C-alpha atoms as a PDB file:
ATOM      1  CA  MET A   1      85.717 100.496 111.959  1.00  0.00           C
ATOM      2  CA  LEU A   2      88.193 103.039 110.617  1.00  0.00           C
ATOM      3  CA  SER A   3      88.512 103.393 106.860  1.00  0.00           C
ATOM      4  CA  ILE A   4      90.097 105.773 104.388  1.00  0.00           C
ATOM      5  CA  ASN A   5      87.121 106.910 102.351  1.00  0.00           C
ATOM      6  CA  ILE A   6      85.564 109.783 100.451  1.00  0.00           C
ATOM      7  CA  PRO A   7      82.085 111.379 100.565  1.00  0.00           C
ATOM      8  CA  LYS A   8      82.196 112.053  96.824  1.00  0.00           C
ATOM      9  CA  HIS A   9      84.523 111.449  93.881  1.00  0.00           C
ATOM     10  CA  THR A  10      87.624 113.508  94.528  1.00  0.00           C
ATOM     11  CA  THR A  11      91.417 113.709  94.443  1.00  0.00           C
ATOM     12  CA  PRO A  12      93.798 112.395  97.148  1.00  0.00           C
ATOM     13  CA  ASP A  13      94.057 115.720  98.989  1.00  0.00           C
ATOM     14  CA  GLN A  14      90.419 115.251 100.057  1.00  0.00           C
ATOM     15  CA  TYR A  15      90.668 111.671 101.348  1.00  0.00           C
ATOM     16  CA  GLU A  16      89.239 111.195 104.824  1.00  0.00           C
ATOM     17  CA  LEU A  17      89.967 108.795 107.682  1.00  0.00           C
ATOM     18  CA  GLY A  18      86.819 108.028 109.624  1.00  0.00           C
ATOM     19  CA  GLU A  19      84.367 105.509 110.966  1.00  0.00           C
ATOM     20  CA  VAL A  20      82.279 103.454 108.556  1.00  0.00           C
ATOM     21  CA  PRO A  21      79.895 100.572 109.365  1.00  0.00           C
ATOM     22  CA  ALA A  22      81.778  97.547 110.652  1.00  0.00           C
ATOM     23  CA  LEU A  23      81.899  94.485 108.417  1.00  0.00           C
ATOM     24  CA  ALA A  24      80.597  91.088 109.465  1.00  0.00           C
ATOM     25  CA  VAL A  25      80.152  87.663 107.935  1.00  0.00           C
ATOM     26  CA  GLU A  26      76.869  87.991 106.035  1.00  0.00           C
ATOM     27  CA  HIS A  27      77.092  85.033 103.667  1.00  0.00           C
ATOM     28  CA  PRO A  28      78.453  81.511 104.180  1.00  0.00           C
ATOM     29  CA  THR A  29      81.224  82.210 101.648  1.00  0.00           C
ATOM     30  CA  ASP A  30      82.495  85.401 103.352  1.00  0.00           C
ATOM     31  CA  ILE A  31      86.011  85.839 104.714  1.00  0.00           C
ATOM     32  CA  LEU A  32      86.854  88.729 107.040  1.00  0.00           C
ATOM     33  CA  ILE A  33      90.482  89.880 106.933  1.00  0.00           C
ATOM     34  CA  LYS A  34      92.134  92.017 109.600  1.00  0.00           C
ATOM     35  CA  VAL A  35      94.223  94.257 107.375  1.00  0.00           C
ATOM     36  CA  HIS A  36      97.922  94.703 108.217  1.00  0.00           C
ATOM     37  CA  ALA A  37      98.920  96.416 104.969  1.00  0.00           C
ATOM     38  CA  ALA A  38      97.282  97.625 101.757  1.00  0.00           C
ATOM     39  CA  SER A  39      98.856  98.871  98.557  1.00  0.00           C
ATOM     40  CA  ILE A  40      98.123 101.956  96.495  1.00  0.00           C
ATOM     41  CA  ASN A  41      97.471 101.307  92.811  1.00  0.00           C
ATOM     42  CA  PRO A  42      96.681 103.771  90.008  1.00  0.00           C
ATOM     43  CA  ILE A  43      93.196 102.251  89.643  1.00  0.00           C
ATOM     44  CA  ASP A  44      92.508 102.995  93.331  1.00  0.00           C
ATOM     45  CA  VAL A  45      93.073 106.726  93.022  1.00  0.00           C
ATOM     46  CA  LYS A  46      91.769 107.132  89.466  1.00  0.00           C
ATOM     47  CA  LYS A  47      88.505 105.385  90.243  1.00  0.00           C
ATOM     48  CA  ALA A  48      88.120 107.371  93.459  1.00  0.00           C
ATOM     49  CA  SER A  49      88.377 110.512  91.321  1.00  0.00           C
ATOM     50  CA  GLY A  50      85.389 109.387  89.250  1.00  0.00           C
ATOM     51  CA  ALA A  51      87.149 107.842  86.262  1.00  0.00           C
ATOM     52  CA  THR A  52      84.431 105.216  85.830  1.00  0.00           C
ATOM     53  CA  LYS A  53      81.392 107.171  86.997  1.00  0.00           C
ATOM     54  CA  MET A  54      79.908 107.169  83.487  1.00  0.00           C
ATOM     55  CA  VAL A  55      79.470 103.390  83.647  1.00  0.00           C
ATOM     56  CA  LEU A  56      79.460 102.604  87.383  1.00  0.00           C
ATOM     57  CA  LYS A  57      77.286 104.250  89.994  1.00  0.00           C
ATOM     58  CA  ASP A  58      79.284 104.252  93.217  1.00  0.00           C
ATOM     59  CA  SER A  59      77.761 104.508  96.685  1.00  0.00           C
ATOM     60  CA  PHE A  60      79.166 106.771  99.391  1.00  0.00           C
ATOM     61  CA  PRO A  61      81.036 106.861 101.653  1.00  0.00           C
ATOM     62  CA  TYR A  62      83.269 105.253  99.047  1.00  0.00           C
ATOM     63  CA  LYS A  63      85.874 102.938 100.564  1.00  0.00           C
ATOM     64  CA  ILE A  64      89.150 102.843  98.626  1.00  0.00           C
ATOM     65  CA  GLY A  65      91.556 100.013  97.861  1.00  0.00           C
ATOM     66  CA  TYR A  66      91.721  96.536  96.345  1.00  0.00           C
ATOM     67  CA  ASP A  67      95.006  94.958  97.535  1.00  0.00           C
ATOM     68  CA  CYS A  68      95.635  93.863 101.104  1.00  0.00           C
ATOM     69  CA  ALA A  69      97.487  91.431 103.324  1.00  0.00           C
ATOM     70  CA  GLY A  70      96.449  90.408 106.809  1.00  0.00           C
ATOM     71  CA  THR A  71      95.070  87.671 109.005  1.00  0.00           C
ATOM     72  CA  VAL A  72      91.741  85.880 108.702  1.00  0.00           C
ATOM     73  CA  GLN A  73      89.458  87.162 111.462  1.00  0.00           C
ATOM     74  CA  ASP A  74      86.289  85.198 110.698  1.00  0.00           C
ATOM     75  CA  THR A  75      84.819  82.946 108.023  1.00  0.00           C
ATOM     76  CA  GLY A  76      81.446  81.804 106.789  1.00  0.00           C
ATOM     77  CA  THR A  77      80.332  78.198 107.148  1.00  0.00           C
ATOM     78  CA  GLN A  78      81.143  77.286 103.527  1.00  0.00           C
ATOM     79  CA  VAL A  79      84.749  78.545 103.599  1.00  0.00           C
ATOM     80  CA  THR A  80      87.041  75.506 103.379  1.00  0.00           C
ATOM     81  CA  ARG A  81      90.496  76.775 102.345  1.00  0.00           C
ATOM     82  CA  PHE A  82      91.101  79.209 105.194  1.00  0.00           C
ATOM     83  CA  LYS A  83      90.715  79.333 108.950  1.00  0.00           C
ATOM     84  CA  VAL A  84      90.877  82.069 111.580  1.00  0.00           C
ATOM     85  CA  GLY A  85      94.463  83.203 112.086  1.00  0.00           C
ATOM     86  CA  ASP A  86      95.717  82.330 108.598  1.00  0.00           C
ATOM     87  CA  GLU A  87      97.972  84.942 107.014  1.00  0.00           C
ATOM     88  CA  VAL A  88      96.570  85.805 103.593  1.00  0.00           C
ATOM     89  CA  PHE A  89      96.794  88.293 100.750  1.00  0.00           C
ATOM     90  CA  ALA A  90      94.051  89.312  98.362  1.00  0.00           C
ATOM     91  CA  ARG A  91      92.923  91.470  95.499  1.00  0.00           C
ATOM     92  CA  LEU A  92      89.379  92.332  96.540  1.00  0.00           C
ATOM     93  CA  PRO A  93      86.655  92.331  93.866  1.00  0.00           C
ATOM     94  CA  GLU A  94      84.949  95.588  92.957  1.00  0.00           C
ATOM     95  CA  CYS A  95      81.843  94.669  94.925  1.00  0.00           C
ATOM     96  CA  GLN A  96      83.939  94.278  98.120  1.00  0.00           C
ATOM     97  CA  ARG A  97      86.375  97.120  97.519  1.00  0.00           C
ATOM     98  CA  GLY A  98      87.805  98.817 100.617  1.00  0.00           C
ATOM     99  CA  SER A  99      91.182  97.380 101.579  1.00  0.00           C
ATOM    100  CA  TRP A 100      92.265 100.700 103.112  1.00  0.00           C
ATOM    101  CA  SER A 101      90.183  99.793 106.153  1.00  0.00           C
ATOM    102  CA  GLU A 102      90.798  97.998 109.421  1.00  0.00           C
ATOM    103  CA  ILE A 103      88.749  95.041 108.166  1.00  0.00           C
ATOM    104  CA  ALA A 104      88.229  93.818 104.602  1.00  0.00           C
ATOM    105  CA  ARG A 105      85.711  91.278 103.331  1.00  0.00           C
ATOM    106  CA  SER A 106      86.133  88.860 100.448  1.00  0.00           C
ATOM    107  CA  THR A 107      85.395  85.317  99.346  1.00  0.00           C
ATOM    108  CA  GLU A 108      87.769  82.425  98.662  1.00  0.00           C
ATOM    109  CA  ASP A 109      87.694  83.301  94.953  1.00  0.00           C
ATOM    110  CA  PHE A 110      90.064  86.236  95.527  1.00  0.00           C
ATOM    111  CA  VAL A 111      92.278  85.163  98.444  1.00  0.00           C
ATOM    112  CA  ALA A 112      95.446  83.072  98.827  1.00  0.00           C
ATOM    113  CA  LEU A 113      97.788  82.270 101.686  1.00  0.00           C
ATOM    114  CA  LYS A 114     100.450  84.945 102.101  1.00  0.00           C
ATOM    115  CA  PRO A 115     103.837  83.904 100.723  1.00  0.00           C
ATOM    116  CA  LYS A 116     106.103  82.659 103.500  1.00  0.00           C
ATOM    117  CA  GLY A 117     109.225  84.605 104.291  1.00  0.00           C
ATOM    118  CA  ILE A 118     108.031  88.075 103.288  1.00  0.00           C
ATOM    119  CA  SER A 119     106.446  90.907 105.274  1.00  0.00           C
ATOM    120  CA  MET A 120     102.816  91.927 105.232  1.00  0.00           C
ATOM    121  CA  GLU A 121     103.873  95.144 103.483  1.00  0.00           C
ATOM    122  CA  ASP A 122     105.566  93.231 100.686  1.00  0.00           C
ATOM    123  CA  ALA A 123     102.649  90.804 100.386  1.00  0.00           C
ATOM    124  CA  ALA A 124     100.120  93.636 100.093  1.00  0.00           C
ATOM    125  CA  SER A 125     102.079  95.147  97.198  1.00  0.00           C
ATOM    126  CA  ILE A 126     101.796  92.036  95.045  1.00  0.00           C
ATOM    127  CA  PRO A 127      98.258  90.941  94.040  1.00  0.00           C
ATOM    128  CA  LEU A 128      96.865  93.471  91.555  1.00  0.00           C
ATOM    129  CA  ALA A 129     100.083  94.379  89.775  1.00  0.00           C
ATOM    130  CA  SER A 130     101.468  90.847  89.517  1.00  0.00           C
ATOM    131  CA  MET A 131      98.209  89.314  88.302  1.00  0.00           C
ATOM    132  CA  THR A 132      97.827  92.121  85.752  1.00  0.00           C
ATOM    133  CA  ALA A 133     101.324  91.375  84.439  1.00  0.00           C
ATOM    134  CA  LEU A 134     100.667  87.645  84.314  1.00  0.00           C
ATOM    135  CA  GLN A 135      97.373  87.975  82.447  1.00  0.00           C
ATOM    136  CA  ALA A 136      98.829  90.491  80.017  1.00  0.00           C
ATOM    137  CA  LEU A 137     101.763  88.222  79.128  1.00  0.00           C
ATOM    138  CA  ARG A 138      99.295  85.433  78.447  1.00  0.00           C
ATOM    139  CA  GLY A 139      97.880  87.701  75.745  1.00  0.00           C
ATOM    140  CA  TYR A 140     100.579  86.525  73.359  1.00  0.00           C
ATOM    141  CA  GLU A 141      99.169  83.687  71.290  1.00  0.00           C
ATOM    142  CA  GLY A 142     101.913  81.133  71.273  1.00  0.00           C
ATOM    143  CA  ASP A 143     105.114  80.570  73.188  1.00  0.00           C
ATOM    144  CA  LEU A 144     107.145  83.588  74.336  1.00  0.00           C
ATOM    145  CA  GLU A 145     110.216  81.436  74.885  1.00  0.00           C
ATOM    146  CA  GLY A 146     113.151  82.972  73.060  1.00  0.00           C
ATOM    147  CA  LYS A 147     111.071  85.927  71.867  1.00  0.00           C
ATOM    148  CA  THR A 148     111.832  89.649  72.218  1.00  0.00           C
ATOM    149  CA  VAL A 149     109.568  91.468  74.671  1.00  0.00           C
ATOM    150  CA  PHE A 150     109.294  95.215  75.297  1.00  0.00           C
ATOM    151  CA  ILE A 151     107.938  96.199  78.716  1.00  0.00           C
ATOM    152  CA  PRO A 152     108.284  99.917  79.559  1.00  0.00           C
ATOM    153  CA  ALA A 153     108.799 101.076  83.170  1.00  0.00           C
ATOM    154  CA  ALA A 154     110.694  98.143  84.666  1.00  0.00           C
ATOM    155  CA  LEU A 155     110.686  99.711  88.125  1.00  0.00           C
ATOM    156  CA  GLY A 156     106.997 100.653  88.089  1.00  0.00           C
ATOM    157  CA  GLY A 157     104.400  98.700  90.008  1.00  0.00           C
ATOM    158  CA  THR A 158     103.310  96.460  87.134  1.00  0.00           C
ATOM    159  CA  GLY A 159     106.435  96.629  84.989  1.00  0.00           C
ATOM    160  CA  MET A 160     108.673  95.115  87.662  1.00  0.00           C
ATOM    161  CA  PHE A 161     106.514  91.984  87.842  1.00  0.00           C
ATOM    162  CA  ALA A 162     106.090  91.795  84.069  1.00  0.00           C
ATOM    163  CA  CYS A 163     109.838  91.870  83.429  1.00  0.00           C
ATOM    164  CA  GLN A 164     110.473  89.109  85.956  1.00  0.00           C
ATOM    165  CA  LEU A 165     107.628  86.921  84.713  1.00  0.00           C
ATOM    166  CA  ALA A 166     108.582  87.428  81.068  1.00  0.00           C
ATOM    167  CA  LYS A 167     112.111  86.216  81.702  1.00  0.00           C
ATOM    168  CA  LYS A 168     111.687  83.608  84.432  1.00  0.00           C
ATOM    169  CA  TYR A 169     108.255  82.111  83.748  1.00  0.00           C
ATOM    170  CA  PHE A 170     107.629  82.774  80.052  1.00  0.00           C
ATOM    171  CA  LYS A 171     111.362  82.423  79.255  1.00  0.00           C
ATOM    172  CA  ALA A 172     111.549  85.387  76.892  1.00  0.00           C
ATOM    173  CA  GLY A 173     114.859  85.563  75.040  1.00  0.00           C
ATOM    174  CA  LYS A 174     115.240  89.331  75.341  1.00  0.00           C
ATOM    175  CA  VAL A 175     113.495  91.805  77.644  1.00  0.00           C
ATOM    176  CA  ILE A 176     113.736  95.506  76.780  1.00  0.00           C
ATOM    177  CA  THR A 177     112.561  98.216  79.151  1.00  0.00           C
ATOM    178  CA  THR A 178     112.631 101.956  79.818  1.00  0.00           C
ATOM    179  CA  VAL A 179     113.430 103.918  82.973  1.00  0.00           C
ATOM    180  CA  SER A 180     114.556 107.456  83.782  1.00  0.00           C
ATOM    181  CA  THR A 181     118.236 108.411  84.058  1.00  0.00           C
ATOM    182  CA  SER A 182     118.520 108.037  87.837  1.00  0.00           C
ATOM    183  CA  LYS A 183     116.982 104.564  87.760  1.00  0.00           C
ATOM    184  CA  VAL A 184     119.171 103.017  85.052  1.00  0.00           C
ATOM    185  CA  PRO A 185     121.864 101.782  87.482  1.00  0.00           C
ATOM    186  CA  LYS A 186     119.237 100.433  89.887  1.00  0.00           C
ATOM    187  CA  VAL A 187     117.433  98.016  87.570  1.00  0.00           C
ATOM    188  CA  LYS A 188     119.769  95.042  87.860  1.00  0.00           C
ATOM    189  CA  GLY A 189     120.234  95.467  91.585  1.00  0.00           C
ATOM    190  CA  LEU A 190     116.509  95.573  92.278  1.00  0.00           C
ATOM    191  CA  LEU A 191     115.198  93.046  89.754  1.00  0.00           C
ATOM    192  CA  GLY A 192     118.228  90.770  89.627  1.00  0.00           C
ATOM    193  CA  GLU A 193     120.866  89.868  87.084  1.00  0.00           C
ATOM    194  CA  GLY A 194     119.643  88.575  83.754  1.00  0.00           C
ATOM    195  CA  ILE A 195     116.063  89.859  84.023  1.00  0.00           C
ATOM    196  CA  VAL A 196     116.378  92.875  81.713  1.00  0.00           C
ATOM    197  CA  ASP A 197     118.632  92.636  78.670  1.00  0.00           C
ATOM    198  CA  GLU A 198     118.363  96.193  77.361  1.00  0.00           C
ATOM    199  CA  ILE A 199     117.615  99.336  79.369  1.00  0.00           C
ATOM    200  CA  ILE A 200     116.626 102.513  77.544  1.00  0.00           C
ATOM    201  CA  ASP A 201     116.940 105.831  79.359  1.00  0.00           C
ATOM    202  CA  TYR A 202     113.796 107.463  78.029  1.00  0.00           C
ATOM    203  CA  ARG A 203     114.990 110.928  79.088  1.00  0.00           C
ATOM    204  CA  LYS A 204     117.940 110.643  76.712  1.00  0.00           C
ATOM    205  CA  SER A 205     116.619 108.378  73.954  1.00  0.00           C
ATOM    206  CA  ASP A 206     113.306 107.669  72.274  1.00  0.00           C
ATOM    207  CA  PRO A 207     112.554 103.915  72.249  1.00  0.00           C
ATOM    208  CA  MET A 208     111.263 104.414  68.700  1.00  0.00           C
ATOM    209  CA  THR A 209     114.773 105.296  67.548  1.00  0.00           C
ATOM    210  CA  VAL A 210     116.652 102.790  69.713  1.00  0.00           C
ATOM    211  CA  ILE A 211     114.571  99.678  69.019  1.00  0.00           C
ATOM    212  CA  PRO A 212     114.760  98.595  65.363  1.00  0.00           C
ATOM    213  CA  PRO A 213     111.458  98.426  63.444  1.00  0.00           C
ATOM    214  CA  LYS A 214     109.757  95.025  63.374  1.00  0.00           C
ATOM    215  CA  SER A 215     112.164  93.557  65.936  1.00  0.00           C
ATOM    216  CA  VAL A 216     109.803  92.987  68.883  1.00  0.00           C
ATOM    217  CA  ASP A 217     107.439  90.045  69.250  1.00  0.00           C
ATOM    218  CA  PHE A 218     105.356  91.320  72.164  1.00  0.00           C
ATOM    219  CA  ILE A 219     104.760  94.649  73.873  1.00  0.00           C
ATOM    220  CA  PHE A 220     103.078  95.012  77.246  1.00  0.00           C
ATOM    221  CA  ASP A 221     101.907  98.614  77.299  1.00  0.00           C
ATOM    222  CA  THR A 222     101.652 100.082  80.798  1.00  0.00           C
ATOM    223  CA  MET A 223     101.985 103.709  79.694  1.00  0.00           C
ATOM    224  CA  GLY A 224      99.217 104.207  77.119  1.00  0.00           C
ATOM    225  CA  SER A 225     101.672 104.202  74.193  1.00  0.00           C
ATOM    226  CA  ALA A 226     100.479 101.091  72.368  1.00  0.00           C
ATOM    227  CA  MET A 227      99.634 102.794  69.086  1.00  0.00           C
ATOM    228  CA  GLU A 228     102.934 104.678  68.985  1.00  0.00           C
ATOM    229  CA  TYR A 229     104.902 101.433  69.143  1.00  0.00           C
ATOM    230  CA  LEU A 230     103.143  99.503  66.370  1.00  0.00           C
ATOM    231  CA  SER A 231     106.039  99.832  63.940  1.00  0.00           C
ATOM    232  CA  LEU A 232     108.374  98.110  66.395  1.00  0.00           C
ATOM    233  CA  VAL A 233     106.390  94.863  66.341  1.00  0.00           C
ATOM    234  CA  ARG A 234     107.052  92.010  63.959  1.00  0.00           C
ATOM    235  CA  GLN A 235     104.234  90.736  61.779  1.00  0.00           C
ATOM    236  CA  GLY A 236     102.363  88.154  63.823  1.00  0.00           C
ATOM    237  CA  GLY A 237     103.332  89.859  67.062  1.00  0.00           C
ATOM    238  CA  ALA A 238     101.050  91.354  69.688  1.00  0.00           C
ATOM    239  CA  ILE A 239     100.472  94.357  71.913  1.00  0.00           C
ATOM    240  CA  VAL A 240      98.477  94.103  75.133  1.00  0.00           C
ATOM    241  CA  THR A 241      97.638  97.292  77.008  1.00  0.00           C
ATOM    242  CA  VAL A 242      96.193  97.999  80.424  1.00  0.00           C
ATOM    243  CA  SER A 243      96.425 101.765  79.960  1.00  0.00           C
ATOM    244  CA  ILE A 244      93.924 102.343  77.144  1.00  0.00           C
ATOM    245  CA  LEU A 245      90.175 101.877  77.502  1.00  0.00           C
ATOM    246  CA  THR A 246      88.909  98.437  76.568  1.00  0.00           C
ATOM    247  CA  SER A 247      86.033  97.755  74.221  1.00  0.00           C
ATOM    248  CA  GLY A 248      82.550  98.127  75.646  1.00  0.00           C
ATOM    249  CA  ASP A 249      82.069  94.370  75.345  1.00  0.00           C
ATOM    250  CA  VAL A 250      85.213  93.599  77.352  1.00  0.00           C
ATOM    251  CA  LEU A 251      84.164  96.149  79.969  1.00  0.00           C
ATOM    252  CA  GLN A 252      80.677  94.647  80.243  1.00  0.00           C
ATOM    253  CA  ASN A 253      82.068  91.162  80.784  1.00  0.00           C
ATOM    254  CA  SER A 254      84.770  92.242  83.225  1.00  0.00           C
ATOM    255  CA  SER A 255      84.785  91.856  86.991  1.00  0.00           C
ATOM    256  CA  VAL A 256      84.671  95.658  87.284  1.00  0.00           C
ATOM    257  CA  MET A 257      80.946  95.518  86.565  1.00  0.00           C
ATOM    258  CA  ARG A 258      80.074  92.933  89.218  1.00  0.00           C
ATOM    259  CA  ARG A 259      77.686  94.178  91.894  1.00  0.00           C
ATOM    260  CA  SER A 260      78.063  91.110  94.119  1.00  0.00           C
ATOM    261  CA  PRO A 261      80.228  87.978  94.374  1.00  0.00           C
ATOM    262  CA  ASP A 262      77.737  86.343  91.979  1.00  0.00           C
ATOM    263  CA  LYS A 263      79.417  86.511  88.555  1.00  0.00           C
ATOM    264  CA  ARG A 264      76.042  86.931  86.866  1.00  0.00           C
ATOM    265  CA  ASP A 265      75.068  90.010  88.879  1.00  0.00           C
ATOM    266  CA  LYS A 266      76.489  92.860  86.826  1.00  0.00           C
ATOM    267  CA  THR A 267      75.775  96.508  86.163  1.00  0.00           C
ATOM    268  CA  ILE A 268      74.898  97.184  82.522  1.00  0.00           C
ATOM    269  CA  VAL A 269      77.168  99.525  80.563  1.00  0.00           C
ATOM    270  CA  PRO A 270      74.958 102.210  78.988  1.00  0.00           C
ATOM    271  CA  PHE A 271      74.306 101.308  75.359  1.00  0.00           C
ATOM    272  CA  HIS A 272      75.754 104.478  73.831  1.00  0.00           C
ATOM    273  CA  ILE A 273      78.954 104.178  75.883  1.00  0.00           C
ATOM    274  CA  ARG A 274      79.338 100.509  75.004  1.00  0.00           C
ATOM    275  CA  VAL A 275      78.943 101.258  71.298  1.00  0.00           C
ATOM    276  CA  CYS A 276      81.398 104.173  71.459  1.00  0.00           C
ATOM    277  CA  LEU A 277      84.029 102.091  73.264  1.00  0.00           C
ATOM    278  CA  ASN A 278      83.540  99.262  70.772  1.00  0.00           C
ATOM    279  CA  VAL A 279      84.060 101.610  67.832  1.00  0.00           C
ATOM    280  CA  MET A 280      87.244 103.111  69.297  1.00  0.00           C
ATOM    281  CA  ASP A 281      88.609  99.659  70.097  1.00  0.00           C
ATOM    282  CA  ARG A 282      87.887  98.416  66.564  1.00  0.00           C
ATOM    283  CA  ILE A 283      89.719 101.403  65.107  1.00  0.00           C
ATOM    284  CA  ARG A 284      92.788 100.567  67.197  1.00  0.00           C
ATOM    285  CA  ARG A 285      92.553  96.892  66.230  1.00  0.00           C
ATOM    286  CA  ALA A 286      92.284  97.864  62.565  1.00  0.00           C
ATOM    287  CA  ARG A 287      95.361 100.093  62.800  1.00  0.00           C
ATOM    288  CA  ALA A 288      97.298  97.249  64.426  1.00  0.00           C
ATOM    289  CA  SER A 289      96.139  94.734  61.828  1.00  0.00           C
ATOM    290  CA  ARG A 290      97.675  96.872  59.057  1.00  0.00           C
ATOM    291  CA  TYR A 291     101.020  96.082  60.668  1.00  0.00           C
ATOM    292  CA  GLY A 292     100.084  92.410  61.057  1.00  0.00           C
ATOM    293  CA  VAL A 293      99.874  92.913  64.823  1.00  0.00           C
ATOM    294  CA  LYS A 294      97.222  91.703  67.235  1.00  0.00           C
ATOM    295  CA  TYR A 295      96.075  94.458  69.615  1.00  0.00           C
ATOM    296  CA  SER A 296      94.054  94.004  72.793  1.00  0.00           C
ATOM    297  CA  SER A 297      93.176  96.009  75.867  1.00  0.00           C
ATOM    298  CA  ILE A 298      92.400  94.079  79.035  1.00  0.00           C
ATOM    299  CA  PHE A 299      91.043  94.437  82.529  1.00  0.00           C
ATOM    300  CA  LEU A 300      92.499  92.398  85.343  1.00  0.00           C
ATOM    301  CA  GLU A 301      90.310  89.451  86.255  1.00  0.00           C
ATOM    302  CA  PRO A 302      91.338  88.762  89.866  1.00  0.00           C
ATOM    303  CA  ASN A 303      91.244  85.138  90.959  1.00  0.00           C
ATOM    304  CA  ALA A 304      92.691  82.889  93.628  1.00  0.00           C
ATOM    305  CA  THR A 305      94.234  80.464  91.122  1.00  0.00           C
ATOM    306  CA  ASP A 306      96.599  83.074  89.677  1.00  0.00           C
ATOM    307  CA  LEU A 307      97.300  84.439  93.150  1.00  0.00           C
ATOM    308  CA  GLU A 308      98.231  80.957  94.360  1.00  0.00           C
ATOM    309  CA  SER A 309     100.667  80.551  91.449  1.00  0.00           C
ATOM    310  CA  ILE A 310     102.219  83.899  92.320  1.00  0.00           C
ATOM    311  CA  ARG A 311     102.538  82.839  95.973  1.00  0.00           C
ATOM    312  CA  GLN A 312     104.476  79.772  94.906  1.00  0.00           C
ATOM    313  CA  TRP A 313     106.810  81.781  92.641  1.00  0.00           C
ATOM    314  CA  VAL A 314     107.500  84.289  95.421  1.00  0.00           C
ATOM    315  CA  GLU A 315     108.270  81.516  97.890  1.00  0.00           C
ATOM    316  CA  ALA A 316     110.555  79.841  95.341  1.00  0.00           C
ATOM    317  CA  GLY A 317     112.481  83.094  94.845  1.00  0.00           C
ATOM    318  CA  LYS A 318     111.379  83.433  91.228  1.00  0.00           C
ATOM    319  CA  LEU A 319     109.403  86.634  91.783  1.00  0.00           C
ATOM    320  CA  LYS A 320     110.053  89.540  94.103  1.00  0.00           C
ATOM    321  CA  THR A 321     108.459  92.856  94.847  1.00  0.00           C
ATOM    322  CA  ILE A 322     109.790  96.320  95.528  1.00  0.00           C
ATOM    323  CA  VAL A 323     108.123  98.637  98.046  1.00  0.00           C
ATOM    324  CA  GLY A 324     109.414 102.140  97.514  1.00  0.00           C
ATOM    325  CA  THR A 325     107.073 104.158  99.733  1.00  0.00           C
ATOM    326  CA  THR A 326     105.155 103.414 102.938  1.00  0.00           C
ATOM    327  CA  ALA A 327     102.626 105.520 104.826  1.00  0.00           C
ATOM    328  CA  HIS A 328     100.921 104.726 108.115  1.00  0.00           C
ATOM    329  CA  PHE A 329      97.163 104.224 107.960  1.00  0.00           C
ATOM    330  CA  LYS A 330      96.499 106.843 110.645  1.00  0.00           C
ATOM    331  CA  ASP A 331      98.901 109.417 109.185  1.00  0.00           C
ATOM    332  CA  LEU A 332      96.349 110.815 106.781  1.00  0.00           C
ATOM    333  CA  GLN A 333      98.632 113.446 105.265  1.00  0.00           C
ATOM    334  CA  ALA A 334     101.305 110.849 104.506  1.00  0.00           C
ATOM    335  CA  VAL A 335      98.658 108.659 102.864  1.00  0.00           C
ATOM    336  CA  ARG A 336      97.365 111.604 100.833  1.00  0.00           C
ATOM    337  CA  ASP A 337     100.892 112.456  99.691  1.00  0.00           C
ATOM    338  CA  ALA A 338     101.633 108.874  98.654  1.00  0.00           C
ATOM    339  CA  CYS A 339      98.328 108.665  96.796  1.00  0.00           C
ATOM    340  CA  GLN A 340      98.918 111.982  95.047  1.00  0.00           C
ATOM    341  CA  ALA A 341     102.265 110.734  93.738  1.00  0.00           C
ATOM    342  CA  VAL A 342     100.528 107.656  92.301  1.00  0.00           C
ATOM    343  CA  PHE A 343      97.698 109.792  90.926  1.00  0.00           C
ATOM    344  CA  ASP A 344     100.193 112.106  89.196  1.00  0.00           C
ATOM    345  CA  GLY A 345     102.203 109.187  87.826  1.00  0.00           C
ATOM    346  CA  LYS A 346     105.344 110.502  89.527  1.00  0.00           C
ATOM    347  CA  GLY A 347     108.278 108.180  89.042  1.00  0.00           C
ATOM    348  CA  SER A 348     108.683 106.483  92.398  1.00  0.00           C
ATOM    349  CA  ILE A 349     110.285 103.051  92.509  1.00  0.00           C
ATOM    350  CA  GLY A 350     108.070 100.015  92.980  1.00  0.00           C
ATOM    351  CA  LYS A 351     104.845 100.060  94.955  1.00  0.00           C
ATOM    352  CA  SER A 352     103.464 102.385  97.610  1.00  0.00           C
ATOM    353  CA  VAL A 353     101.961 100.676 100.647  1.00  0.00           C
ATOM    354  CA  ILE A 354      99.771 101.744 103.564  1.00  0.00           C
ATOM    355  CA  VAL A 355     100.796 100.040 106.821  1.00  0.00           C
ATOM    356  CA  PHE A 356      98.467  99.523 109.773  1.00  0.00           C
END
């Protein structure tokens, strides 16, 4: 089967489109998905560049991609929730990574029926970013209803879901965000009226000077700025980041380390790296605690239960996605260009999607 892959850790300009061994049902819990669309996430391109090679030994050719939408092509004998022909979307686990391929393989633990009424391209853009936003917002201990929430990058892949979930599902009282000058007038049109209450043009103003000290209850850090924003958070508030390395213990227990669908089968983080990550995480927690703030860094834990909830919200019109860039699977240069923009953190709107 055709797959976008790499022979070694590298940057998007070296991605290849070529034949890799075809996938088949090997276990009774397997689901084969004929991929119609797959999204490009920062973790896809960063990991392909070798960002985790100190703790994970990857095999080559390395197949890229976690998010996909498509139709079920085949199932194992123990699969009960899906049948051949079902339209589904998924965030593949690390051990079954490779959504930028004609066929993807997963288990029921990571798959849900595709939301009705949206395209395959839109569906493929949803899983990783929306589940990350959902799990991060759950990091606030207590009820976010009526609270003030700061979520930078409202039109970024994760930020757009976080802003919508904060307001519509968690019922935050005030959502503050940042975007660049050209995007300011687009926020309400793309996300909807009443989602974002305050928009800061970060090219003209520093959020640190616009947002009063100790006025925010919760910050979802998607930009790696968690420590800079500590003074903005009220005592008893929280910051959750997905852009700063987790502790070694969190990493060890995360799905990133799984070598197979069996949750107990995990690669071991080297002891010295685990200790180093733990020390750095404790320093950040200690800094936050001086402000009376709870700090945590998380990894997404993909699961079908969260994905099913997201499907229902999308179908009910409570959550929508934005696809800003598309590239055809067989147009390798277009795929490379789209991936390079994500790799560089260039400010495109919404998600980038590979269509098949």
